[in-house]
């Protein structure tokens, strides 16, 4: 089951925990960007990035890269 939208990107509104559940390899990216995946994991990616001071464009590019690299 893919949550990618028609442009091939993860929706910004997808909660962090859902992204990790669908794409377990993304946890390393969230950790690298300092995104709280525990207590803040229920927040949408866009809100989590803002809250934790991560550059949204860079985060989304990194997430897309790791997901596109899946076998």
PDB file of N, CA and C in Angstrom:
ATOM      1  N   UNK A   1       0.842  -1.182   0.000  1.00  0.00           N
ATOM      2  CA  UNK A   1       0.000   0.000   0.000  1.00  0.00           C
ATOM      3  C   UNK A   1       0.886   1.243   0.000  1.00  0.00           C
ATOM      4  N   UNK A   2       0.721   2.062  -0.982  1.00  0.00           N
ATOM      5  CA  UNK A   2       1.531   3.271  -1.092  1.00  0.00           C
ATOM      6  C   UNK A   2       0.700   4.491  -0.742  1.00  0.00           C
ATOM      7  N   UNK A   3       1.308   5.418   0.007  1.00  0.00           N
ATOM      8  CA  UNK A   3       0.635   6.677   0.345  1.00  0.00           C
ATOM      9  C   UNK A   3       1.189   7.817  -0.486  1.00  0.00           C
ATOM     10  N   UNK A   4       1.950   7.491  -1.523  1.00  0.00           N
ATOM     11  CA  UNK A   4       2.480   8.544  -2.380  1.00  0.00           C
ATOM     12  C   UNK A   4       1.315   9.195  -3.109  1.00  0.00           C
ATOM     13  N   UNK A   5       1.420  10.498  -3.344  1.00  0.00           N
ATOM     14  CA  UNK A   5       0.377  11.168  -4.094  1.00  0.00           C
ATOM     15  C   UNK A   5       0.691  11.093  -5.579  1.00  0.00           C
ATOM     16  N   UNK A   6      -0.117  11.746  -6.394  1.00  0.00           N
ATOM     17  CA  UNK A   6       0.039  11.637  -7.846  1.00  0.00           C
ATOM     18  C   UNK A   6       1.378  12.172  -8.356  1.00  0.00           C
ATOM     19  N   UNK A   7       2.049  12.991  -7.587  1.00  0.00           N
ATOM     20  CA  UNK A   7       3.357  13.491  -8.003  1.00  0.00           C
ATOM     21  C   UNK A   7       4.485  12.573  -7.554  1.00  0.00           C
ATOM     22  N   UNK A   8       4.151  11.489  -6.863  1.00  0.00           N
ATOM     23  CA  UNK A   8       5.166  10.555  -6.396  1.00  0.00           C
ATOM     24  C   UNK A   8       5.777  10.923  -5.071  1.00  0.00           C
ATOM     25  N   UNK A   9       5.170  11.868  -4.378  1.00  0.00           N
ATOM     26  CA  UNK A   9       5.716  12.323  -3.100  1.00  0.00           C
ATOM     27  C   UNK A   9       4.814  11.888  -1.955  1.00  0.00           C
ATOM     28  N   UNK A  10       5.414  11.763  -0.781  1.00  0.00           N
ATOM     29  CA  UNK A  10       4.628  11.507   0.426  1.00  0.00           C
ATOM     30  C   UNK A  10       3.827  12.773   0.717  1.00  0.00           C
ATOM     31  N   UNK A  11       2.549  12.639   1.032  1.00  0.00           N
ATOM     32  CA  UNK A  11       1.764  13.837   1.370  1.00  0.00           C
ATOM     33  C   UNK A  11       2.303  14.514   2.631  1.00  0.00           C
ATOM     34  N   UNK A  12       2.378  15.834   2.602  1.00  0.00           N
ATOM     35  CA  UNK A  12       2.830  16.599   3.759  1.00  0.00           C
ATOM     36  C   UNK A  12       1.919  16.396   4.958  1.00  0.00           C
ATOM     37  N   UNK A  13       0.669  16.035   4.686  1.00  0.00           N
ATOM     38  CA  UNK A  13      -0.306  15.856   5.760  1.00  0.00           C
ATOM     39  C   UNK A  13      -0.230  14.476   6.414  1.00  0.00           C
ATOM     40  N   UNK A  14       0.616  13.594   5.887  1.00  0.00           N
ATOM     41  CA  UNK A  14       0.745  12.249   6.452  1.00  0.00           C
ATOM     42  C   UNK A  14       1.421  12.343   7.815  1.00  0.00           C
ATOM     43  N   UNK A  15       0.806  11.771   8.849  1.00  0.00           N
ATOM     44  CA  UNK A  15       1.459  11.781  10.167  1.00  0.00           C
ATOM     45  C   UNK A  15       2.803  11.041  10.128  1.00  0.00           C
ATOM     46  N   UNK A  16       3.740  11.538  10.901  1.00  0.00           N
ATOM     47  CA  UNK A  16       5.079  10.942  10.958  1.00  0.00           C
ATOM     48  C   UNK A  16       4.990   9.445  11.263  1.00  0.00           C
ATOM     49  N   UNK A  17       4.186   9.062  12.246  1.00  0.00           N
ATOM     50  CA  UNK A  17       4.075   7.640  12.609  1.00  0.00           C
ATOM     51  C   UNK A  17       3.553   6.798  11.453  1.00  0.00           C
ATOM     52  N   UNK A  18       2.632   7.349  10.652  1.00  0.00           N
ATOM     53  CA  UNK A  18       2.104   6.603   9.502  1.00  0.00           C
ATOM     54  C   UNK A  18       3.182   6.435   8.439  1.00  0.00           C
ATOM     55  N   UNK A  19       3.985   7.478   8.230  1.00  0.00           N
ATOM     56  CA  UNK A  19       5.082   7.374   7.265  1.00  0.00           C
ATOM     57  C   UNK A  19       6.051   6.276   7.688  1.00  0.00           C
ATOM     58  N   UNK A  20       6.360   6.229   8.969  1.00  0.00           N
ATOM     59  CA  UNK A  20       7.285   5.208   9.480  1.00  0.00           C
ATOM     60  C   UNK A  20       6.667   3.815   9.359  1.00  0.00           C
ATOM     61  N   UNK A  21       5.375   3.714   9.638  1.00  0.00           N
ATOM     62  CA  UNK A  21       4.711   2.416   9.535  1.00  0.00           C
ATOM     63  C   UNK A  21       4.707   1.920   8.082  1.00  0.00           C
ATOM     64  N   UNK A  22       4.437   2.819   7.141  1.00  0.00           N
ATOM     65  CA  UNK A  22       4.395   2.437   5.733  1.00  0.00           C
ATOM     66  C   UNK A  22       5.782   2.246   5.137  1.00  0.00           C
ATOM     67  N   UNK A  23       6.723   3.065   5.592  1.00  0.00           N
ATOM     68  CA  UNK A  23       8.084   3.064   5.057  1.00  0.00           C
ATOM     69  C   UNK A  23       9.067   3.062   6.225  1.00  0.00           C
ATOM     70  N   UNK A  24       9.322   1.898   6.842  1.00  0.00           N
ATOM     71  CA  UNK A  24      10.160   1.831   8.044  1.00  0.00           C
ATOM     72  C   UNK A  24      11.548   2.460   7.882  1.00  0.00           C
ATOM     73  N   UNK A  25      12.064   2.458   6.676  1.00  0.00           N
ATOM     74  CA  UNK A  25      13.391   3.025   6.456  1.00  0.00           C
ATOM     75  C   UNK A  25      13.424   4.542   6.631  1.00  0.00           C
ATOM     76  N   UNK A  26      12.258   5.184   6.705  1.00  0.00           N
ATOM     77  CA  UNK A  26      12.227   6.639   6.878  1.00  0.00           C
ATOM     78  C   UNK A  26      12.601   7.077   8.287  1.00  0.00           C
ATOM     79  N   UNK A  27      12.585   6.165   9.244  1.00  0.00           N
ATOM     80  CA  UNK A  27      12.908   6.569  10.618  1.00  0.00           C
ATOM     81  C   UNK A  27      14.314   7.164  10.702  1.00  0.00           C
ATOM     82  N   UNK A  28      15.242   6.643   9.921  1.00  0.00           N
ATOM     83  CA  UNK A  28      16.598   7.184   9.928  1.00  0.00           C
ATOM     84  C   UNK A  28      16.608   8.628   9.426  1.00  0.00           C
ATOM     85  N   UNK A  29      15.785   8.931   8.451  1.00  0.00           N
ATOM     86  CA  UNK A  29      15.712  10.296   7.910  1.00  0.00           C
ATOM     87  C   UNK A  29      15.100  11.227   8.948  1.00  0.00           C
ATOM     88  N   UNK A  30      13.999  10.804   9.555  1.00  0.00           N
ATOM     89  CA  UNK A  30      13.385  11.640  10.593  1.00  0.00           C
ATOM     90  C   UNK A  30      14.386  11.910  11.717  1.00  0.00           C
ATOM     91  N   UNK A  31      15.121  10.887  12.127  1.00  0.00           N
ATOM     92  CA  UNK A  31      16.128  11.061  13.184  1.00  0.00           C
ATOM     93  C   UNK A  31      17.228  12.016  12.740  1.00  0.00           C
ATOM     94  N   UNK A  32      17.678  11.883  11.508  1.00  0.00           N
ATOM     95  CA  UNK A  32      18.743  12.746  10.974  1.00  0.00           C
ATOM     96  C   UNK A  32      18.317  14.216  11.001  1.00  0.00           C
ATOM     97  N   UNK A  33      17.036  14.473  10.751  1.00  0.00           N
ATOM     98  CA  UNK A  33      16.531  15.845  10.717  1.00  0.00           C
ATOM     99  C   UNK A  33      16.022  16.323  12.074  1.00  0.00           C
ATOM    100  N   UNK A  34      16.159  15.488  13.101  1.00  0.00           N
ATOM    101  CA  UNK A  34      15.755  15.879  14.442  1.00  0.00           C
ATOM    102  C   UNK A  34      14.262  15.902  14.671  1.00  0.00           C
ATOM    103  N   UNK A  35      13.528  15.120  13.886  1.00  0.00           N
ATOM    104  CA  UNK A  35      12.077  15.058  14.027  1.00  0.00           C
ATOM    105  C   UNK A  35      11.728  14.101  15.163  1.00  0.00           C
ATOM    106  N   UNK A  36      10.907  14.570  16.092  1.00  0.00           N
ATOM    107  CA  UNK A  36      10.458  13.752  17.219  1.00  0.00           C
ATOM    108  C   UNK A  36       9.495  12.694  16.698  1.00  0.00           C
ATOM    109  N   UNK A  37       9.931  11.427  16.712  1.00  0.00           N
ATOM    110  CA  UNK A  37       9.089  10.339  16.216  1.00  0.00           C
ATOM    111  C   UNK A  37       8.366   9.616  17.343  1.00  0.00           C
ATOM    112  N   UNK A  38       8.559  10.078  18.551  1.00  0.00           N
ATOM    113  CA  UNK A  38       7.904   9.453  19.698  1.00  0.00           C
ATOM    114  C   UNK A  38       6.664  10.253  20.077  1.00  0.00           C
ATOM    115  N   UNK A  39       6.850  11.220  20.913  1.00  0.00           N
ATOM    116  CA  UNK A  39       5.721  12.019  21.395  1.00  0.00           C
ATOM    117  C   UNK A  39       5.118  12.884  20.303  1.00  0.00           C
ATOM    118  N   UNK A  40       5.916  13.279  19.305  1.00  0.00           N
ATOM    119  CA  UNK A  40       5.415  14.128  18.236  1.00  0.00           C
ATOM    120  C   UNK A  40       5.068  13.372  16.974  1.00  0.00           C
ATOM    121  N   UNK A  41       5.089  12.063  17.033  1.00  0.00           N
ATOM    122  CA  UNK A  41       4.871  11.250  15.842  1.00  0.00           C
ATOM    123  C   UNK A  41       3.474  11.276  15.274  1.00  0.00           C
ATOM    124  N   UNK A  42       2.502  11.743  16.037  1.00  0.00           N
ATOM    125  CA  UNK A  42       1.127  11.802  15.533  1.00  0.00           C
ATOM    126  C   UNK A  42       0.893  13.044  14.668  1.00  0.00           C
ATOM    127  N   UNK A  43       1.847  13.980  14.680  1.00  0.00           N
ATOM    128  CA  UNK A  43       1.696  15.203  13.900  1.00  0.00           C
ATOM    129  C   UNK A  43       1.988  14.948  12.427  1.00  0.00           C
ATOM    130  N   UNK A  44       1.316  15.690  11.540  1.00  0.00           N
ATOM    131  CA  UNK A  44       1.643  15.605  10.117  1.00  0.00           C
ATOM    132  C   UNK A  44       3.103  16.007   9.880  1.00  0.00           C
ATOM    133  N   UNK A  45       3.702  15.485   8.839  1.00  0.00           N
ATOM    134  CA  UNK A  45       5.102  15.765   8.533  1.00  0.00           C
ATOM    135  C   UNK A  45       5.362  17.260   8.480  1.00  0.00           C
ATOM    136  N   UNK A  46       4.487  18.022   7.834  1.00  0.00           N
ATOM    137  CA  UNK A  46       4.693  19.464   7.691  1.00  0.00           C
ATOM    138  C   UNK A  46       4.742  20.158   9.048  1.00  0.00           C
ATOM    139  N   UNK A  47       3.862  19.760   9.961  1.00  0.00           N
ATOM    140  CA  UNK A  47       3.854  20.365  11.296  1.00  0.00           C
ATOM    141  C   UNK A  47       5.056  19.923  12.119  1.00  0.00           C
ATOM    142  N   UNK A  48       5.437  18.658  11.989  1.00  0.00           N
ATOM    143  CA  UNK A  48       6.590  18.144  12.734  1.00  0.00           C
ATOM    144  C   UNK A  48       7.868  18.856  12.293  1.00  0.00           C
ATOM    145  N   UNK A  49       8.012  19.093  10.994  1.00  0.00           N
ATOM    146  CA  UNK A  49       9.195  19.791  10.493  1.00  0.00           C
ATOM    147  C   UNK A  49       9.251  21.208  11.043  1.00  0.00           C
ATOM    148  N   UNK A  50       8.123  21.882  11.031  1.00  0.00           N
ATOM    149  CA  UNK A  50       8.066  23.253  11.556  1.00  0.00           C
ATOM    150  C   UNK A  50       8.386  23.262  13.048  1.00  0.00           C
ATOM    151  N   UNK A  51       7.767  22.353  13.776  1.00  0.00           N
ATOM    152  CA  UNK A  51       7.945  22.278  15.227  1.00  0.00           C
ATOM    153  C   UNK A  51       9.395  22.010  15.607  1.00  0.00           C
ATOM    154  N   UNK A  52      10.031  21.099  14.868  1.00  0.00           N
ATOM    155  CA  UNK A  52      11.375  20.655  15.233  1.00  0.00           C
ATOM    156  C   UNK A  52      12.479  21.393  14.479  1.00  0.00           C
ATOM    157  N   UNK A  53      12.113  22.401  13.691  1.00  0.00           N
ATOM    158  CA  UNK A  53      13.098  23.246  13.028  1.00  0.00           C
ATOM    159  C   UNK A  53      13.811  22.605  11.851  1.00  0.00           C
ATOM    160  N   UNK A  54      13.154  21.656  11.191  1.00  0.00           N
ATOM    161  CA  UNK A  54      13.765  21.003  10.027  1.00  0.00           C
ATOM    162  C   UNK A  54      13.363  21.737   8.753  1.00  0.00           C
ATOM    163  N   UNK A  55      14.274  21.803   7.800  1.00  0.00           N
ATOM    164  CA  UNK A  55      13.965  22.378   6.498  1.00  0.00           C
ATOM    165  C   UNK A  55      13.038  21.412   5.765  1.00  0.00           C
ATOM    166  N   UNK A  56      11.818  21.852   5.485  1.00  0.00           N
ATOM    167  CA  UNK A  56      10.801  20.967   4.917  1.00  0.00           C
ATOM    168  C   UNK A  56      11.207  20.440   3.541  1.00  0.00           C
ATOM    169  N   UNK A  57      11.739  21.298   2.686  1.00  0.00           N
ATOM    170  CA  UNK A  57      12.128  20.851   1.342  1.00  0.00           C
ATOM    171  C   UNK A  57      13.219  19.787   1.411  1.00  0.00           C
ATOM    172  N   UNK A  58      14.205  20.008   2.255  1.00  0.00           N
ATOM    173  CA  UNK A  58      15.290  19.033   2.395  1.00  0.00           C
ATOM    174  C   UNK A  58      14.772  17.723   2.995  1.00  0.00           C
ATOM    175  N   UNK A  59      13.904  17.830   3.994  1.00  0.00           N
ATOM    176  CA  UNK A  59      13.328  16.634   4.615  1.00  0.00           C
ATOM    177  C   UNK A  59      12.552  15.819   3.587  1.00  0.00           C
ATOM    178  N   UNK A  60      11.687  16.489   2.830  1.00  0.00           N
ATOM    179  CA  UNK A  60      10.860  15.773   1.859  1.00  0.00           C
ATOM    180  C   UNK A  60      11.716  15.145   0.762  1.00  0.00           C
ATOM    181  N   UNK A  61      12.779  15.832   0.346  1.00  0.00           N
ATOM    182  CA  UNK A  61      13.679  15.264  -0.657  1.00  0.00           C
ATOM    183  C   UNK A  61      14.378  14.023  -0.112  1.00  0.00           C
ATOM    184  N   UNK A  62      14.811  14.082   1.133  1.00  0.00           N
ATOM    185  CA  UNK A  62      15.476  12.929   1.749  1.00  0.00           C
ATOM    186  C   UNK A  62      14.513  11.761   1.901  1.00  0.00           C
ATOM    187  N   UNK A  63      13.286  12.043   2.309  1.00  0.00           N
ATOM    188  CA  UNK A  63      12.283  10.980   2.440  1.00  0.00           C
ATOM    189  C   UNK A  63      11.997  10.351   1.086  1.00  0.00           C
ATOM    190  N   UNK A  64      11.820  11.179   0.072  1.00  0.00           N
ATOM    191  CA  UNK A  64      11.550  10.655  -1.274  1.00  0.00           C
ATOM    192  C   UNK A  64      12.714   9.808  -1.757  1.00  0.00           C
ATOM    193  N   UNK A  65      13.931  10.251  -1.483  1.00  0.00           N
ATOM    194  CA  UNK A  65      15.106   9.491  -1.914  1.00  0.00           C
ATOM    195  C   UNK A  65      15.175   8.115  -1.306  1.00  0.00           C
ATOM    196  N   UNK A  66      14.894   8.024  -0.027  1.00  0.00           N
ATOM    197  CA  UNK A  66      14.973   6.719   0.637  1.00  0.00           C
ATOM    198  C   UNK A  66      13.828   5.800   0.190  1.00  0.00           C
ATOM    199  N   UNK A  67      12.672   6.371  -0.087  1.00  0.00           N
ATOM    200  CA  UNK A  67      11.538   5.565  -0.525  1.00  0.00           C
ATOM    201  C   UNK A  67      11.727   5.109  -1.974  1.00  0.00           C
ATOM    202  N   UNK A  68      12.228   6.004  -2.822  1.00  0.00           N
ATOM    203  CA  UNK A  68      12.459   5.643  -4.224  1.00  0.00           C
ATOM    204  C   UNK A  68      13.539   4.571  -4.365  1.00  0.00           C
ATOM    205  N   UNK A  69      14.429   4.483  -3.391  1.00  0.00           N
ATOM    206  CA  UNK A  69      15.514   3.501  -3.432  1.00  0.00           C
ATOM    207  C   UNK A  69      15.063   2.112  -3.013  1.00  0.00           C
ATOM    208  N   UNK A  70      13.803   2.000  -2.582  1.00  0.00           N
ATOM    209  CA  UNK A  70      13.298   0.685  -2.155  1.00  0.00           C
ATOM    210  C   UNK A  70      13.312  -0.291  -3.323  1.00  0.00           C
ATOM    211  N   UNK A  71      13.600  -1.555  -3.017  1.00  0.00           N
ATOM    212  CA  UNK A  71      13.583  -2.581  -4.081  1.00  0.00           C
ATOM    213  C   UNK A  71      12.188  -2.844  -4.596  1.00  0.00           C
TER     214      UNK A  71
END
